[in-house]
């Protein structure tokens, strides 16, 4: 019996420890709070918005075209003769001033012809004066003999006087023609321009009507811009929907010498017909390039044109992505709910859609895609 006492003692201690652990576990379990029920937070669709700004908006009509000279002419010889001199400006790409001599034709024959014509005028003037005085003497003699009768034309030498007057006029016309021919031995242009090509050389004999070269006015260019017919309501075209001098200003941009350059322009006119294939109206925009321009525009250059049309006093410019079917937009109201609104579209360009009605200043409009949106739907938004 004495040998079993330690064994019972250890068993009792072990049971006591186990019982204490079970009691502690039960106490901790009973004191732990129960689970709390929570409602999951609602997740609303996220949209991107922009804020509407109502202000004055200028309607800008953009188009494209090719620069061409407003005045391009062929230099033609009015008289014949040997070419004595050609100006350096009458070379392909050369420039010249208004009135500058471009071609000189040998003029010795024309100087002689002018001298002869002047001599003929002197002779005709002398003959006319002689006949006039003879006619006056004949009339005076007739009246002394027949004071009560008017002298007949033959007695007054009226036919001789008329013939002498006609001869004088003919001589003067020949003199003027000879002077004009002499002046035409020097060929010039009425504008500052540039040469496209030259057709003759020094020493060459040319006849009247020979083409000497092709030139154009470097200070006056134009661009033909195809536009939709409805675009013409936003700007003035002289002789079409405005006064003769009321062409709308424009800006012409083209690449010249490797750089983008801009020149002021003006709407000049519309062409007489609508393009039968594109159904577009072709608007002619004039381009003024001054002599101070470091690099002038060249014919054949591709150009972009911006016509500065009418200004709407109260309108908004919104991104194209904000527009939905039937000219509607989604607006996020103060309660962060979607509201569908119809808007009025005046014009569309690279800035966006110009909206003169249907929006208020400060409206938040949705610009991100919406697949299943309904009016009144709650959303989250980010500017």
Protein backbone atom coordinates (compact mmCIF):
# COMPACT_ATOMS: atom_id res chain seq x y z
CA UNK A 1 0.00 0.00 0.00
CA UNK A 2 2.86 2.31 0.78
CA UNK A 3 4.22 1.82 -2.78
CA UNK A 4 1.01 3.05 -4.42
CA UNK A 5 0.75 6.36 -2.51
CA UNK A 6 3.03 8.40 -4.89
CA UNK A 7 1.23 7.08 -7.97
CA UNK A 8 -2.15 8.13 -6.67
CA UNK A 9 -0.74 11.49 -5.74
CA UNK A 10 0.57 12.20 -9.24
CA UNK A 11 -2.66 11.05 -10.86
CA UNK A 12 -4.66 13.30 -8.59
CA UNK A 13 -2.45 16.29 -9.44
CA UNK A 14 -2.80 15.60 -13.18
CA UNK A 15 -6.58 15.37 -12.93
CA UNK A 16 -6.64 18.58 -10.95
CA UNK A 17 -4.61 20.42 -13.63
CA UNK A 18 -6.86 19.11 -16.43
CA UNK A 19 -9.97 20.13 -14.54
CA UNK A 20 -8.55 23.62 -13.98
CA UNK A 21 -7.74 24.01 -17.72
CA UNK A 22 -11.23 22.90 -18.72
CA UNK A 23 -12.78 25.33 -16.22
CA UNK A 24 -10.62 28.20 -17.53
CA UNK A 25 -11.48 27.45 -21.16
CA UNK A 26 -15.20 27.37 -20.32
CA UNK A 27 -14.88 30.68 -18.49
CA UNK A 28 -13.12 32.36 -21.45
CA UNK A 29 -15.65 30.97 -23.91
CA UNK A 30 -18.57 32.28 -21.94
CA UNK A 31 -17.06 35.77 -21.51
CA UNK A 32 -16.29 36.31 -25.34
CA UNK A 33 -18.83 38.62 -27.09
CA UNK A 34 -21.03 37.12 -29.81
CA UNK A 35 -20.69 37.97 -33.59
CA UNK A 36 -22.03 41.36 -34.73
CA UNK A 37 -24.17 41.52 -37.93
CA UNK A 38 -23.08 44.30 -40.37
CA UNK A 39 -24.66 45.36 -43.65
CA UNK A 40 -22.17 45.37 -46.59
CA UNK A 41 -21.47 48.85 -48.07
CA UNK A 42 -23.20 49.52 -51.40
CA UNK A 43 -20.89 49.76 -54.42
CA UNK A 44 -22.02 52.27 -57.09
CA UNK A 45 -20.64 52.57 -60.63
CA UNK A 46 -17.73 54.98 -61.03
CA UNK A 47 -17.98 57.60 -63.80
CA UNK A 48 -15.73 60.38 -65.05
CA UNK A 49 -17.23 63.85 -65.39
CA UNK A 50 -16.38 67.36 -66.57
CA UNK A 51 -17.88 70.56 -65.24
CA UNK A 52 -19.81 72.72 -67.69
CA UNK A 53 -18.73 76.34 -68.16
CA UNK A 54 -21.17 78.74 -69.83
CA UNK A 55 -19.35 81.57 -71.63
CA UNK A 56 -18.97 83.35 -74.97
CA UNK A 57 -17.87 80.83 -77.63
CA UNK A 58 -16.59 81.65 -81.10
CA UNK A 59 -17.68 79.31 -83.87
CA UNK A 60 -14.52 78.20 -85.70
CA UNK A 61 -14.94 76.47 -89.06
CA UNK A 62 -11.90 74.41 -89.99
CA UNK A 63 -11.02 73.26 -93.48
CA UNK A 64 -8.14 72.30 -95.72
CA UNK A 65 -7.00 73.17 -99.19
CA UNK A 66 -4.08 73.88 -101.49
CA UNK A 67 -2.53 77.32 -101.83
CA UNK A 68 -2.70 78.79 -105.31
CA UNK A 69 -1.93 82.25 -106.73
CA UNK A 70 -4.86 84.61 -107.06
CA UNK A 71 -3.26 86.16 -110.18
CA UNK A 72 -1.19 84.05 -112.56
CA UNK A 73 -0.41 85.38 -116.03
CA UNK A 74 1.67 84.64 -119.10
CA UNK A 75 4.05 87.39 -120.21
CA UNK A 76 3.45 87.89 -123.94
CA UNK A 77 5.41 90.09 -126.32
CA UNK A 78 3.25 92.77 -127.97
CA UNK A 79 5.97 93.62 -130.52
CA UNK A 80 8.59 91.65 -132.42
CA UNK A 81 12.35 91.87 -132.32
CA UNK A 82 15.54 90.50 -130.86
CA UNK A 83 15.67 90.06 -127.07
CA UNK A 84 18.50 92.23 -125.77
CA UNK A 85 18.20 91.71 -122.02
CA UNK A 86 16.40 89.46 -119.51
CA UNK A 87 16.14 90.37 -115.81
CA UNK A 88 17.44 87.86 -113.24
CA UNK A 89 13.94 87.82 -111.73
CA UNK A 90 12.59 86.14 -114.87
CA UNK A 91 14.14 82.82 -113.94
CA UNK A 92 12.34 79.82 -112.46
CA UNK A 93 11.64 80.87 -108.86
CA UNK A 94 12.99 84.41 -109.35
CA UNK A 95 11.33 87.44 -107.77
CA UNK A 96 10.72 90.92 -109.11
CA UNK A 97 9.09 94.23 -108.17
CA UNK A 98 6.08 95.89 -109.74
CA UNK A 99 7.04 97.78 -112.88
CA UNK A 100 10.56 96.33 -112.97
CA UNK A 101 11.75 95.67 -116.57
CA UNK A 102 11.83 91.92 -117.14
CA UNK A 103 12.54 91.69 -120.88
CA UNK A 104 14.02 94.31 -123.26
CA UNK A 105 13.50 93.94 -127.01
CA UNK A 106 15.77 95.73 -129.50
CA UNK A 107 14.07 99.11 -130.10
CA UNK A 108 16.05 100.86 -132.87
CA UNK A 109 13.38 100.24 -135.52
CA UNK A 110 10.66 101.52 -133.18
CA UNK A 111 12.60 104.71 -132.40
CA UNK A 112 12.93 105.40 -136.14
CA UNK A 113 9.23 104.69 -136.66
CA UNK A 114 8.38 107.16 -133.89
CA UNK A 115 10.56 109.87 -135.45
CA UNK A 116 8.87 109.38 -138.82
CA UNK A 117 5.44 109.48 -137.21
CA UNK A 118 6.27 112.75 -135.43
CA UNK A 119 7.37 114.23 -138.74
CA UNK A 120 4.08 113.19 -140.33
CA UNK A 121 2.21 114.91 -137.51
CA UNK A 122 4.14 118.14 -138.14
CA UNK A 123 3.31 117.94 -141.85
CA UNK A 124 -0.36 117.27 -141.15
CA UNK A 125 -0.56 120.16 -138.68
CA UNK A 126 0.97 122.51 -141.26
CA UNK A 127 -1.43 121.36 -143.98
CA UNK A 128 -4.43 121.68 -141.67
CA UNK A 129 -3.44 125.20 -140.63
CA UNK A 130 -2.99 126.22 -144.30
CA UNK A 131 -6.39 124.85 -145.33
CA UNK A 132 -8.05 126.44 -142.27
CA UNK A 133 -6.72 129.87 -143.15
CA UNK A 134 -7.68 129.43 -146.80
CA UNK A 135 -11.19 128.47 -145.71
CA UNK A 136 -11.47 131.57 -143.53
CA UNK A 137 -10.30 133.76 -146.43
CA UNK A 138 -12.82 132.11 -148.77
CA UNK A 139 -15.68 132.72 -146.33
CA UNK A 140 -14.62 136.36 -145.85
CA UNK A 141 -14.50 136.89 -149.64
CA UNK A 142 -17.93 135.28 -150.13
CA UNK A 143 -19.54 137.48 -147.51
CA UNK A 144 -18.03 140.59 -149.07
CA UNK A 145 -19.62 139.64 -152.39
CA UNK A 146 -22.87 138.15 -151.11
CA UNK A 147 -23.48 139.55 -147.63
CA UNK A 148 -27.04 138.19 -147.40
CA UNK A 149 -26.25 134.60 -148.47
CA UNK A 150 -24.42 131.89 -146.50
CA UNK A 151 -21.44 130.48 -148.36
CA UNK A 152 -21.91 126.97 -149.80
CA UNK A 153 -19.63 124.16 -148.44
CA UNK A 154 -17.45 124.09 -151.53
CA UNK A 155 -16.97 127.84 -151.51
CA UNK A 156 -16.09 127.70 -147.77
CA UNK A 157 -13.70 124.81 -148.51
CA UNK A 158 -15.34 122.65 -145.83
CA UNK A 159 -14.49 119.33 -147.57
CA UNK A 160 -10.82 120.34 -147.80
CA UNK A 161 -10.83 121.42 -144.14
CA UNK A 162 -12.41 118.14 -143.00
CA UNK A 163 -9.90 116.14 -145.03
CA UNK A 164 -7.00 118.11 -143.52
CA UNK A 165 -8.41 117.56 -140.00
CA UNK A 166 -8.81 113.82 -140.63
CA UNK A 167 -5.25 113.65 -141.98
CA UNK A 168 -3.98 115.36 -138.82
CA UNK A 169 -5.89 112.94 -136.57
CA UNK A 170 -4.55 109.97 -138.53
CA UNK A 171 -0.98 111.27 -138.25
CA UNK A 172 -1.38 111.75 -134.50
CA UNK A 173 -2.79 108.21 -134.15
CA UNK A 174 0.21 106.80 -136.01
CA UNK A 175 2.54 108.76 -133.75
CA UNK A 176 0.77 107.43 -130.64
CA UNK A 177 0.93 103.90 -132.03
CA UNK A 178 4.67 104.28 -132.72
CA UNK A 179 5.23 105.59 -129.19
CA UNK A 180 3.23 102.70 -127.75
CA UNK A 181 5.22 100.15 -129.76
CA UNK A 182 8.44 101.70 -128.48
CA UNK A 183 7.21 101.44 -124.89
CA UNK A 184 6.23 97.81 -125.45
CA UNK A 185 9.83 96.88 -126.22
CA UNK A 186 10.22 96.84 -122.43
CA UNK A 187 8.07 94.15 -120.78
CA UNK A 188 7.20 94.40 -117.07
CA UNK A 189 4.58 93.14 -114.62
CA UNK A 190 2.01 95.26 -112.72
CA UNK A 191 2.72 93.51 -109.39
CA UNK A 192 5.49 92.17 -107.20
CA UNK A 193 5.73 88.55 -108.11
CA UNK A 194 7.60 85.34 -108.68
CA UNK A 195 8.43 83.47 -111.87
CA UNK A 196 7.15 79.97 -112.57
CA UNK A 197 9.06 79.46 -115.80
CA UNK A 198 10.88 81.38 -118.54
CA UNK A 199 10.27 80.54 -122.20
CA UNK A 200 12.87 82.64 -124.08
CA UNK A 201 16.58 83.43 -124.01
CA UNK A 202 18.75 86.46 -124.71
CA UNK A 203 19.44 86.95 -128.41
CA UNK A 204 16.29 85.10 -129.47
CA UNK A 205 14.02 86.75 -132.04
CA UNK A 206 10.37 86.86 -130.97
CA UNK A 207 7.27 87.75 -132.92
CA UNK A 208 4.24 89.57 -131.54
CA UNK A 209 2.23 87.17 -129.37
CA UNK A 210 5.23 85.08 -128.26
CA UNK A 211 5.03 83.81 -124.65
CA UNK A 212 8.03 85.05 -122.66
CA UNK A 213 7.28 83.30 -119.35
CA UNK A 214 4.70 82.60 -116.66
CA UNK A 215 4.54 84.65 -113.44
CA UNK A 216 2.21 85.15 -110.48
CA UNK A 217 1.46 87.79 -107.86
CA UNK A 218 3.40 86.69 -104.76
CA UNK A 219 1.42 88.98 -102.46
CA UNK A 220 -2.04 87.54 -103.16
CA UNK A 221 -2.76 83.85 -102.65
CA UNK A 222 -5.99 81.95 -102.17
CA UNK A 223 -7.18 78.57 -100.95
CA UNK A 224 -10.31 76.72 -102.07
CA UNK A 225 -11.81 75.09 -98.96
CA UNK A 226 -14.61 72.49 -99.37
CA UNK A 227 -17.19 72.90 -96.58
CA UNK A 228 -20.62 71.55 -95.75
CA UNK A 229 -23.35 73.93 -96.86
CA UNK A 230 -24.63 74.34 -93.29
CA UNK A 231 -21.29 75.82 -92.26
CA UNK A 232 -22.01 78.99 -94.26
CA UNK A 233 -24.60 80.11 -91.70
CA UNK A 234 -21.79 80.89 -89.24
CA UNK A 235 -19.72 83.32 -91.32
CA UNK A 236 -20.09 86.02 -93.95
CA UNK A 237 -19.33 85.50 -97.64
CA UNK A 238 -19.20 88.68 -99.78
CA UNK A 239 -21.90 88.69 -102.43
CA UNK A 240 -23.54 85.55 -101.02
CA UNK A 241 -24.77 86.11 -97.47
CA UNK A 242 -22.96 89.35 -96.64
CA UNK A 243 -21.83 92.72 -97.98
CA UNK A 244 -19.27 92.95 -100.74
CA UNK A 245 -16.53 93.93 -98.26
CA UNK A 246 -17.72 91.93 -95.25
CA UNK A 247 -15.64 88.77 -95.65
CA UNK A 248 -15.03 86.92 -92.39
CA UNK A 249 -11.40 86.86 -91.19
CA UNK A 250 -9.50 83.57 -91.22
CA UNK A 251 -6.14 82.12 -90.24
CA UNK A 252 -4.11 80.06 -92.71
CA UNK A 253 -1.48 77.63 -91.44
CA UNK A 254 1.01 75.84 -93.66
CA UNK A 255 4.46 74.34 -93.51
CA UNK A 256 7.13 76.60 -95.00
CA UNK A 257 10.89 76.09 -94.77
CA UNK A 258 10.34 73.20 -92.37
CA UNK A 259 8.33 75.24 -89.88
CA UNK A 260 4.65 75.83 -89.24
CA UNK A 261 3.74 79.37 -90.22
CA UNK A 262 0.51 81.35 -90.03
CA UNK A 263 -0.83 84.13 -92.23
CA UNK A 264 -3.99 86.26 -91.92
CA UNK A 265 -6.72 85.56 -94.45
CA UNK A 266 -10.23 86.58 -95.40
CA UNK A 267 -13.25 84.86 -96.96
CA UNK A 268 -13.53 86.20 -100.52
CA UNK A 269 -16.33 84.29 -102.23
CA UNK A 270 -17.92 80.92 -102.91
CA UNK A 271 -17.52 79.14 -106.21
CA UNK A 272 -20.45 79.15 -108.59
CA UNK A 273 -21.48 75.50 -108.21
CA UNK A 274 -21.60 72.76 -105.59
CA UNK A 275 -19.22 69.85 -106.16
CA UNK A 276 -21.42 67.18 -107.80
CA UNK A 277 -19.50 64.29 -106.21
CA UNK A 278 -18.97 65.46 -102.63
CA UNK A 279 -21.94 67.88 -102.46
CA UNK A 280 -19.62 70.32 -100.71
CA UNK A 281 -19.61 74.09 -101.15
CA UNK A 282 -16.19 75.44 -102.11
CA UNK A 283 -15.26 78.62 -100.24
CA UNK A 284 -12.38 80.75 -101.51
CA UNK A 285 -10.20 82.23 -98.76
CA UNK A 286 -7.74 84.97 -99.68
CA UNK A 287 -4.28 85.04 -98.13
CA UNK A 288 -2.22 88.20 -97.78
CA UNK A 289 1.54 87.71 -97.53
CA UNK A 290 3.43 90.94 -96.96
CA UNK A 291 6.91 91.77 -98.17
CA UNK A 292 8.14 91.56 -94.57
CA UNK A 293 7.41 87.84 -94.39
CA UNK A 294 10.67 85.96 -94.03
CA UNK A 295 9.23 82.92 -95.79
CA UNK A 296 6.27 83.51 -98.12
CA UNK A 297 3.64 80.86 -98.88
CA UNK A 298 4.23 78.84 -102.04
CA UNK A 299 1.57 77.71 -104.53
CA UNK A 300 0.89 74.00 -104.18
CA UNK A 301 1.48 73.94 -100.42
CA UNK A 302 -1.15 72.11 -98.36
CA UNK A 303 -2.76 74.51 -95.87
CA UNK A 304 -5.19 74.37 -92.97
CA UNK A 305 -7.75 77.15 -92.70
CA UNK A 306 -9.64 78.32 -89.61
CA UNK A 307 -12.52 80.71 -90.35
CA UNK A 308 -13.41 82.82 -87.30
CA UNK A 309 -17.20 82.86 -87.46
CA UNK A 310 -19.95 84.23 -85.27
CA UNK A 311 -19.70 84.31 -81.46
CA UNK A 312 -22.43 82.81 -79.29
CA UNK A 313 -22.80 84.93 -76.14
CA UNK A 314 -23.80 82.00 -73.89
CA UNK A 315 -22.73 78.49 -74.82
CA UNK A 316 -20.64 75.56 -73.56
CA UNK A 317 -18.02 73.45 -75.28
CA UNK A 318 -18.30 69.80 -74.16
CA UNK A 319 -16.23 66.75 -75.21
CA UNK A 320 -17.61 64.60 -78.01
CA UNK A 321 -17.52 61.62 -75.62
CA UNK A 322 -20.19 63.28 -73.49
CA UNK A 323 -22.79 63.07 -76.26
CA UNK A 324 -25.17 60.10 -76.32
CA UNK A 325 -27.85 59.09 -78.79
CA UNK A 326 -30.28 61.76 -79.98
CA UNK A 327 -28.10 64.62 -78.70
CA UNK A 328 -28.46 63.71 -75.03
CA UNK A 329 -26.01 63.82 -72.11
CA UNK A 330 -25.92 62.24 -68.65
CA UNK A 331 -25.76 64.78 -65.83
CA UNK A 332 -24.73 63.86 -62.25
CA UNK A 333 -26.99 65.91 -59.95
CA UNK A 334 -26.37 67.09 -56.39
CA UNK A 335 -27.58 63.71 -55.03
CA UNK A 336 -25.02 61.91 -57.20
CA UNK A 337 -27.71 60.46 -59.41
CA UNK A 338 -27.84 60.33 -63.19
CA UNK A 339 -30.23 62.60 -65.04
CA UNK A 340 -30.70 62.37 -68.83
CA UNK A 341 -30.87 65.76 -70.58
CA UNK A 342 -31.32 66.70 -74.23
CA UNK A 343 -29.00 69.44 -75.52
CA UNK A 344 -28.84 71.68 -78.59
CA UNK A 345 -25.76 71.25 -80.81
CA UNK A 346 -24.73 74.34 -82.79
CA UNK A 347 -21.38 73.19 -84.18
CA UNK A 348 -18.73 70.49 -83.76
CA UNK A 349 -14.99 70.96 -84.16
CA UNK A 350 -11.73 69.73 -82.67
CA UNK A 351 -12.55 71.46 -79.37
CA UNK A 352 -15.75 69.49 -78.92
CA UNK A 353 -19.45 70.18 -79.40
CA UNK A 354 -20.70 73.76 -79.00
CA UNK A 355 -23.92 73.64 -76.95
CA UNK A 356 -25.98 76.86 -76.77
CA UNK A 357 -28.89 75.32 -74.84
CA UNK A 358 -29.80 72.46 -72.51
CA UNK A 359 -27.01 72.86 -69.92
CA UNK A 360 -26.39 75.12 -66.95
CA UNK A 361 -23.17 76.54 -65.60
CA UNK A 362 -21.60 74.08 -63.16
CA UNK A 363 -23.40 70.95 -64.42
CA UNK A 364 -21.33 67.79 -64.15
CA UNK A 365 -21.67 65.74 -67.33
CA UNK A 366 -20.48 62.17 -67.77
CA UNK A 367 -17.73 61.58 -70.35
CA UNK A 368 -16.95 57.90 -69.61
CA UNK A 369 -18.84 54.99 -71.27
CA UNK A 370 -22.10 53.85 -69.63
CA UNK A 371 -23.45 50.46 -70.68
CA UNK A 372 -26.54 50.03 -68.51
CA UNK A 373 -27.41 53.50 -67.24
CA UNK A 374 -30.91 54.47 -66.21
CA UNK A 375 -32.32 57.78 -65.14
CA UNK A 376 -31.99 58.26 -61.38
CA UNK A 377 -29.24 55.65 -60.93
CA UNK A 378 -26.79 56.38 -58.11
CA UNK A 379 -23.14 56.73 -59.19
CA UNK A 380 -19.76 57.78 -57.91
CA UNK A 381 -17.86 60.34 -59.96
CA UNK A 382 -14.37 61.71 -60.39
CA UNK A 383 -13.51 64.90 -62.25
